[in-house]
Amino acid sequence: MDTVLIVTLVAVAVAILLLGIRVFFTKRWGFPSSHVDGNKPLTDRGLSCHRHQSQEVLHHKNLAERLRAQKEL
């Protein structure tokens, strides 16, 4: 029973070490960005984050709203 526990702990430690090689042994220290804004090919295609899209929708004004705001000035 003890040997199974030790083998399991060693296997988990080796897996964590292998998965974290880039994080532990590079100068940048950090996980790679998986965000849409950090991905150049997606931004080149015009794709953006859902947060930015929802902000654009909230601040978008149609023609009637823009004319109403212009009359108030």
PDB file of N, CA and C in Angstrom:
ATOM      1  N   MET A   1       0.826  -1.198   0.000  1.00  0.00           N
ATOM      2  CA  MET A   1       0.000   0.000   0.000  1.00  0.00           C
ATOM      3  C   MET A   1       0.868   1.259   0.000  1.00  0.00           C
ATOM      4  N   ASP A   2       1.940   1.230   0.787  1.00  0.00           N
ATOM      5  CA  ASP A   2       2.822   2.397   0.840  1.00  0.00           C
ATOM      6  C   ASP A   2       3.573   2.594  -0.475  1.00  0.00           C
ATOM      7  N   THR A   3       3.944   1.501  -1.111  1.00  0.00           N
ATOM      8  CA  THR A   3       4.675   1.627  -2.374  1.00  0.00           C
ATOM      9  C   THR A   3       3.785   2.200  -3.479  1.00  0.00           C
ATOM     10  N   VAL A   4       2.512   1.856  -3.453  1.00  0.00           N
ATOM     11  CA  VAL A   4       1.582   2.398  -4.451  1.00  0.00           C
ATOM     12  C   VAL A   4       1.440   3.905  -4.252  1.00  0.00           C
ATOM     13  N   LEU A   5       1.359   4.343  -3.013  1.00  0.00           N
ATOM     14  CA  LEU A   5       1.244   5.764  -2.702  1.00  0.00           C
ATOM     15  C   LEU A   5       2.500   6.517  -3.141  1.00  0.00           C
ATOM     16  N   ILE A   6       3.655   5.966  -2.869  1.00  0.00           N
ATOM     17  CA  ILE A   6       4.911   6.620  -3.251  1.00  0.00           C
ATOM     18  C   ILE A   6       5.044   6.679  -4.769  1.00  0.00           C
ATOM     19  N   VAL A   7       4.729   5.589  -5.450  1.00  0.00           N
ATOM     20  CA  VAL A   7       4.799   5.579  -6.920  1.00  0.00           C
ATOM     21  C   VAL A   7       3.821   6.587  -7.502  1.00  0.00           C
ATOM     22  N   THR A   8       2.648   6.693  -6.928  1.00  0.00           N
ATOM     23  CA  THR A   8       1.649   7.649  -7.410  1.00  0.00           C
ATOM     24  C   THR A   8       2.130   9.081  -7.213  1.00  0.00           C
ATOM     25  N   LEU A   9       2.692   9.380  -6.046  1.00  0.00           N
ATOM     26  CA  LEU A   9       3.187  10.730  -5.777  1.00  0.00           C
ATOM     27  C   LEU A   9       4.345  11.090  -6.704  1.00  0.00           C
ATOM     28  N   VAL A  10       5.224  10.135  -6.964  1.00  0.00           N
ATOM     29  CA  VAL A  10       6.334  10.392  -7.886  1.00  0.00           C
ATOM     30  C   VAL A  10       5.796  10.621  -9.299  1.00  0.00           C
ATOM     31  N   ALA A  11       4.832   9.836  -9.721  1.00  0.00           N
ATOM     32  CA  ALA A  11       4.256  10.004 -11.058  1.00  0.00           C
ATOM     33  C   ALA A  11       3.582  11.366 -11.204  1.00  0.00           C
ATOM     34  N   VAL A  12       2.864  11.791 -10.175  1.00  0.00           N
ATOM     35  CA  VAL A  12       2.204  13.100 -10.215  1.00  0.00           C
ATOM     36  C   VAL A  12       3.250  14.213 -10.229  1.00  0.00           C
ATOM     37  N   ALA A  13       4.302  14.078  -9.447  1.00  0.00           N
ATOM     38  CA  ALA A  13       5.366  15.093  -9.420  1.00  0.00           C
ATOM     39  C   ALA A  13       6.052  15.192 -10.781  1.00  0.00           C
ATOM     40  N   VAL A  14       6.328  14.069 -11.410  1.00  0.00           N
ATOM     41  CA  VAL A  14       6.955  14.080 -12.732  1.00  0.00           C
ATOM     42  C   VAL A  14       6.013  14.709 -13.759  1.00  0.00           C
ATOM     43  N   ALA A  15       4.732  14.410 -13.680  1.00  0.00           N
ATOM     44  CA  ALA A  15       3.764  14.990 -14.615  1.00  0.00           C
ATOM     45  C   ALA A  15       3.692  16.506 -14.452  1.00  0.00           C
ATOM     46  N   ILE A  16       3.659  16.988 -13.218  1.00  0.00           N
ATOM     47  CA  ILE A  16       3.614  18.432 -12.977  1.00  0.00           C
ATOM     48  C   ILE A  16       4.877  19.097 -13.488  1.00  0.00           C
ATOM     49  N   LEU A  17       6.015  18.463 -13.257  1.00  0.00           N
ATOM     50  CA  LEU A  17       7.275  19.006 -13.740  1.00  0.00           C
ATOM     51  C   LEU A  17       7.312  19.061 -15.264  1.00  0.00           C
ATOM     52  N   LEU A  18       6.874  18.008 -15.922  1.00  0.00           N
ATOM     53  CA  LEU A  18       6.879  17.994 -17.382  1.00  0.00           C
ATOM     54  C   LEU A  18       5.880  18.984 -17.973  1.00  0.00           C
ATOM     55  N   LEU A  19       4.732  19.128 -17.349  1.00  0.00           N
ATOM     56  CA  LEU A  19       3.733  20.082 -17.849  1.00  0.00           C
ATOM     57  C   LEU A  19       4.165  21.529 -17.614  1.00  0.00           C
ATOM     58  N   GLY A  20       4.982  21.751 -16.599  1.00  0.00           N
ATOM     59  CA  GLY A  20       5.377  23.115 -16.252  1.00  0.00           C
ATOM     60  C   GLY A  20       6.763  23.496 -16.704  1.00  0.00           C
ATOM     61  N   ILE A  21       7.374  22.747 -17.635  1.00  0.00           N
ATOM     62  CA  ILE A  21       8.740  23.056 -18.080  1.00  0.00           C
ATOM     63  C   ILE A  21       8.831  24.485 -18.592  1.00  0.00           C
ATOM     64  N   ARG A  22       7.894  24.879 -19.410  1.00  0.00           N
ATOM     65  CA  ARG A  22       7.946  26.235 -19.979  1.00  0.00           C
ATOM     66  C   ARG A  22       7.764  27.296 -18.898  1.00  0.00           C
ATOM     67  N   VAL A  23       6.922  27.020 -17.919  1.00  0.00           N
ATOM     68  CA  VAL A  23       6.672  27.989 -16.861  1.00  0.00           C
ATOM     69  C   VAL A  23       7.858  28.065 -15.907  1.00  0.00           C
ATOM     70  N   PHE A  24       8.403  26.928 -15.546  1.00  0.00           N
ATOM     71  CA  PHE A  24       9.453  26.893 -14.542  1.00  0.00           C
ATOM     72  C   PHE A  24      10.828  27.269 -15.079  1.00  0.00           C
ATOM     73  N   PHE A  25      11.118  26.944 -16.325  1.00  0.00           N
ATOM     74  CA  PHE A  25      12.483  27.063 -16.821  1.00  0.00           C
ATOM     75  C   PHE A  25      12.674  28.074 -17.943  1.00  0.00           C
ATOM     76  N   THR A  26      11.774  29.002 -18.120  1.00  0.00           N
ATOM     77  CA  THR A  26      11.979  30.055 -19.111  1.00  0.00           C
ATOM     78  C   THR A  26      12.024  31.394 -18.410  1.00  0.00           C
ATOM     79  N   LYS A  27      12.471  32.398 -19.110  1.00  0.00           N
ATOM     80  CA  LYS A  27      12.605  33.724 -18.512  1.00  0.00           C
ATOM     81  C   LYS A  27      11.268  34.454 -18.398  1.00  0.00           C
ATOM     82  N   ARG A  28      10.292  34.039 -19.210  1.00  0.00           N
ATOM     83  CA  ARG A  28       9.021  34.775 -19.222  1.00  0.00           C
ATOM     84  C   ARG A  28       8.148  34.476 -18.016  1.00  0.00           C
ATOM     85  N   TRP A  29       8.305  33.373 -17.360  1.00  0.00           N
ATOM     86  CA  TRP A  29       7.548  32.995 -16.166  1.00  0.00           C
ATOM     87  C   TRP A  29       6.058  33.272 -16.328  1.00  0.00           C
ATOM     88  N   GLY A  30       5.343  32.409 -16.828  1.00  0.00           N
ATOM     89  CA  GLY A  30       3.908  32.558 -16.938  1.00  0.00           C
ATOM     90  C   GLY A  30       3.349  31.621 -17.977  1.00  0.00           C
ATOM     91  N   PHE A  31       2.065  31.454 -17.901  1.00  0.00           N
ATOM     92  CA  PHE A  31       1.401  30.599 -18.859  1.00  0.00           C
ATOM     93  C   PHE A  31       1.142  31.385 -20.138  1.00  0.00           C
ATOM     94  N   PRO A  32       1.165  30.730 -21.267  1.00  0.00           N
ATOM     95  CA  PRO A  32       0.891  31.442 -22.518  1.00  0.00           C
ATOM     96  C   PRO A  32      -0.547  31.959 -22.531  1.00  0.00           C
ATOM     97  N   SER A  33      -0.731  33.084 -23.155  1.00  0.00           N
ATOM     98  CA  SER A  33      -2.054  33.691 -23.216  1.00  0.00           C
ATOM     99  C   SER A  33      -2.945  32.902 -24.169  1.00  0.00           C
ATOM    100  N   SER A  34      -4.105  32.530 -23.681  1.00  0.00           N
ATOM    101  CA  SER A  34      -5.061  31.845 -24.537  1.00  0.00           C
ATOM    102  C   SER A  34      -6.240  32.758 -24.861  1.00  0.00           C
ATOM    103  N   HIS A  35      -6.108  34.018 -24.529  1.00  0.00           N
ATOM    104  CA  HIS A  35      -7.164  34.992 -24.764  1.00  0.00           C
ATOM    105  C   HIS A  35      -7.186  35.379 -26.238  1.00  0.00           C
ATOM    106  N   VAL A  36      -8.330  35.728 -26.733  1.00  0.00           N
ATOM    107  CA  VAL A  36      -8.491  36.067 -28.149  1.00  0.00           C
ATOM    108  C   VAL A  36      -7.653  37.285 -28.514  1.00  0.00           C
ATOM    109  N   ASP A  37      -7.565  38.262 -27.619  1.00  0.00           N
ATOM    110  CA  ASP A  37      -6.801  39.470 -27.917  1.00  0.00           C
ATOM    111  C   ASP A  37      -5.301  39.187 -28.013  1.00  0.00           C
ATOM    112  N   GLY A  38      -4.823  38.109 -27.393  1.00  0.00           N
ATOM    113  CA  GLY A  38      -3.420  37.767 -27.463  1.00  0.00           C
ATOM    114  C   GLY A  38      -3.073  36.888 -28.639  1.00  0.00           C
ATOM    115  N   ASN A  39      -4.051  36.573 -29.466  1.00  0.00           N
ATOM    116  CA  ASN A  39      -3.836  35.672 -30.596  1.00  0.00           C
ATOM    117  C   ASN A  39      -3.855  36.485 -31.884  1.00  0.00           C
ATOM    118  N   LYS A  40      -2.683  36.657 -32.482  1.00  0.00           N
ATOM    119  CA  LYS A  40      -2.551  37.507 -33.676  1.00  0.00           C
ATOM    120  C   LYS A  40      -3.400  37.046 -34.859  1.00  0.00           C
ATOM    121  N   PRO A  41      -3.426  35.739 -35.212  1.00  0.00           N
ATOM    122  CA  PRO A  41      -4.252  35.342 -36.367  1.00  0.00           C
ATOM    123  C   PRO A  41      -5.740  35.640 -36.178  1.00  0.00           C
ATOM    124  N   LEU A  42      -6.244  35.525 -34.957  1.00  0.00           N
ATOM    125  CA  LEU A  42      -7.668  35.820 -34.732  1.00  0.00           C
ATOM    126  C   LEU A  42      -7.948  37.311 -34.838  1.00  0.00           C
ATOM    127  N   THR A  43      -7.049  38.146 -34.321  1.00  0.00           N
ATOM    128  CA  THR A  43      -7.270  39.586 -34.441  1.00  0.00           C
ATOM    129  C   THR A  43      -7.122  40.047 -35.883  1.00  0.00           C
ATOM    130  N   ASP A  44      -6.260  39.365 -36.659  1.00  0.00           N
ATOM    131  CA  ASP A  44      -6.146  39.697 -38.083  1.00  0.00           C
ATOM    132  C   ASP A  44      -7.440  39.387 -38.831  1.00  0.00           C
ATOM    133  N   ARG A  45      -8.159  38.382 -38.384  1.00  0.00           N
ATOM    134  CA  ARG A  45      -9.441  38.031 -39.009  1.00  0.00           C
ATOM    135  C   ARG A  45     -10.594  38.901 -38.520  1.00  0.00           C
ATOM    136  N   GLY A  46     -10.332  39.785 -37.560  1.00  0.00           N
ATOM    137  CA  GLY A  46     -11.359  40.688 -37.066  1.00  0.00           C
ATOM    138  C   GLY A  46     -12.165  40.141 -35.899  1.00  0.00           C
ATOM    139  N   LEU A  47     -11.709  39.046 -35.303  1.00  0.00           N
ATOM    140  CA  LEU A  47     -12.417  38.479 -34.166  1.00  0.00           C
ATOM    141  C   LEU A  47     -11.951  39.157 -32.889  1.00  0.00           C
ATOM    142  N   SER A  48     -12.877  39.392 -31.986  1.00  0.00           N
ATOM    143  CA  SER A  48     -12.514  40.017 -30.720  1.00  0.00           C
ATOM    144  C   SER A  48     -13.217  39.303 -29.582  1.00  0.00           C
ATOM    145  N   CYS A  49     -12.882  39.713 -28.401  1.00  0.00           N
ATOM    146  CA  CYS A  49     -13.402  39.094 -27.192  1.00  0.00           C
ATOM    147  C   CYS A  49     -14.892  39.415 -27.034  1.00  0.00           C
ATOM    148  N   HIS A  50     -15.608  38.522 -26.395  1.00  0.00           N
ATOM    149  CA  HIS A  50     -17.044  38.749 -26.206  1.00  0.00           C
ATOM    150  C   HIS A  50     -17.293  39.956 -25.319  1.00  0.00           C
ATOM    151  N   ARG A  51     -16.355  40.250 -24.415  1.00  0.00           N
ATOM    152  CA  ARG A  51     -16.522  41.429 -23.550  1.00  0.00           C
ATOM    153  C   ARG A  51     -16.470  42.704 -24.375  1.00  0.00           C
ATOM    154  N   HIS A  52     -15.543  42.766 -25.330  1.00  0.00           N
ATOM    155  CA  HIS A  52     -15.457  43.951 -26.177  1.00  0.00           C
ATOM    156  C   HIS A  52     -16.674  44.065 -27.088  1.00  0.00           C
ATOM    157  N   GLN A  53     -17.135  42.940 -27.591  1.00  0.00           N
ATOM    158  CA  GLN A  53     -18.311  42.958 -28.452  1.00  0.00           C
ATOM    159  C   GLN A  53     -19.543  43.420 -27.685  1.00  0.00           C
ATOM    160  N   SER A  54     -19.703  42.965 -26.445  1.00  0.00           N
ATOM    161  CA  SER A  54     -20.881  43.380 -25.667  1.00  0.00           C
ATOM    162  C   SER A  54     -20.788  44.858 -25.298  1.00  0.00           C
ATOM    163  N   GLN A  55     -19.577  45.368 -25.055  1.00  0.00           N
ATOM    164  CA  GLN A  55     -19.432  46.795 -24.784  1.00  0.00           C
ATOM    165  C   GLN A  55     -19.789  47.626 -26.012  1.00  0.00           C
ATOM    166  N   GLU A  56     -19.376  47.147 -27.182  1.00  0.00           N
ATOM    167  CA  GLU A  56     -19.724  47.855 -28.409  1.00  0.00           C
ATOM    168  C   GLU A  56     -21.228  47.879 -28.627  1.00  0.00           C
ATOM    169  N   VAL A  57     -21.896  46.784 -28.324  1.00  0.00           N
ATOM    170  CA  VAL A  57     -23.346  46.717 -28.494  1.00  0.00           C
ATOM    171  C   VAL A  57     -24.034  47.661 -27.517  1.00  0.00           C
ATOM    172  N   LEU A  58     -23.534  47.729 -26.288  1.00  0.00           N
ATOM    173  CA  LEU A  58     -24.148  48.601 -25.295  1.00  0.00           C
ATOM    174  C   LEU A  58     -23.989  50.080 -25.650  1.00  0.00           C
ATOM    175  N   HIS A  59     -22.865  50.430 -26.260  1.00  0.00           N
ATOM    176  CA  HIS A  59     -22.605  51.828 -26.586  1.00  0.00           C
ATOM    177  C   HIS A  59     -23.023  52.206 -27.997  1.00  0.00           C
ATOM    178  N   HIS A  60     -23.548  51.256 -28.753  1.00  0.00           N
ATOM    179  CA  HIS A  60     -23.982  51.531 -30.111  1.00  0.00           C
ATOM    180  C   HIS A  60     -25.287  52.312 -30.083  1.00  0.00           C
ATOM    181  N   LYS A  61     -25.352  53.353 -30.870  1.00  0.00           N
ATOM    182  CA  LYS A  61     -26.568  54.163 -30.947  1.00  0.00           C
ATOM    183  C   LYS A  61     -27.085  54.122 -32.375  1.00  0.00           C
ATOM    184  N   ASN A  62     -28.382  53.999 -32.492  1.00  0.00           N
ATOM    185  CA  ASN A  62     -28.960  54.023 -33.830  1.00  0.00           C
ATOM    186  C   ASN A  62     -29.166  55.478 -34.258  1.00  0.00           C
ATOM    187  N   LEU A  63     -29.679  55.679 -35.441  1.00  0.00           N
ATOM    188  CA  LEU A  63     -29.813  57.022 -36.002  1.00  0.00           C
ATOM    189  C   LEU A  63     -30.740  57.899 -35.160  1.00  0.00           C
ATOM    190  N   ALA A  64     -31.846  57.354 -34.697  1.00  0.00           N
ATOM    191  CA  ALA A  64     -32.797  58.140 -33.896  1.00  0.00           C
ATOM    192  C   ALA A  64     -32.149  58.615 -32.594  1.00  0.00           C
ATOM    193  N   GLU A  65     -31.379  57.775 -31.956  1.00  0.00           N
ATOM    194  CA  GLU A  65     -30.724  58.177 -30.706  1.00  0.00           C
ATOM    195  C   GLU A  65     -29.663  59.246 -30.953  1.00  0.00           C
ATOM    196  N   ARG A  66     -28.936  59.124 -32.069  1.00  0.00           N
ATOM    197  CA  ARG A  66     -27.927  60.136 -32.380  1.00  0.00           C
ATOM    198  C   ARG A  66     -28.578  61.479 -32.709  1.00  0.00           C
ATOM    199  N   LEU A  67     -29.710  61.484 -33.435  1.00  0.00           N
ATOM    200  CA  LEU A  67     -30.403  62.741 -33.744  1.00  0.00           C
ATOM    201  C   LEU A  67     -30.980  63.364 -32.485  1.00  0.00           C
ATOM    202  N   ARG A  68     -31.514  62.546 -31.595  1.00  0.00           N
ATOM    203  CA  ARG A  68     -32.055  63.049 -30.329  1.00  0.00           C
ATOM    204  C   ARG A  68     -30.936  63.691 -29.492  1.00  0.00           C
ATOM    205  N   ALA A  69     -29.786  63.074 -29.450  1.00  0.00           N
ATOM    206  CA  ALA A  69     -28.656  63.623 -28.686  1.00  0.00           C
ATOM    207  C   ALA A  69     -28.149  64.902 -29.322  1.00  0.00           C
ATOM    208  N   GLN A  70     -28.202  64.998 -30.641  1.00  0.00           N
ATOM    209  CA  GLN A  70     -27.756  66.201 -31.325  1.00  0.00           C
ATOM    210  C   GLN A  70     -28.702  67.370 -31.070  1.00  0.00           C
ATOM    211  N   LYS A  71     -30.008  67.080 -30.978  1.00  0.00           N
ATOM    212  CA  LYS A  71     -30.984  68.153 -30.709  1.00  0.00           C
ATOM    213  C   LYS A  71     -30.851  68.674 -29.300  1.00  0.00           C
ATOM    214  N   GLU A  72     -30.448  67.798 -28.375  1.00  0.00           N
ATOM    215  CA  GLU A  72     -30.290  68.224 -26.972  1.00  0.00           C
ATOM    216  C   GLU A  72     -29.112  69.151 -26.780  1.00  0.00           C
ATOM    217  N   LEU A  73     -28.143  69.107 -27.679  1.00  0.00           N
ATOM    218  CA  LEU A  73     -26.993  69.995 -27.579  1.00  0.00           C
ATOM    219  C   LEU A  73     -27.415  71.360 -28.015  1.00  0.00           C
TER     220      LEU A  73
END
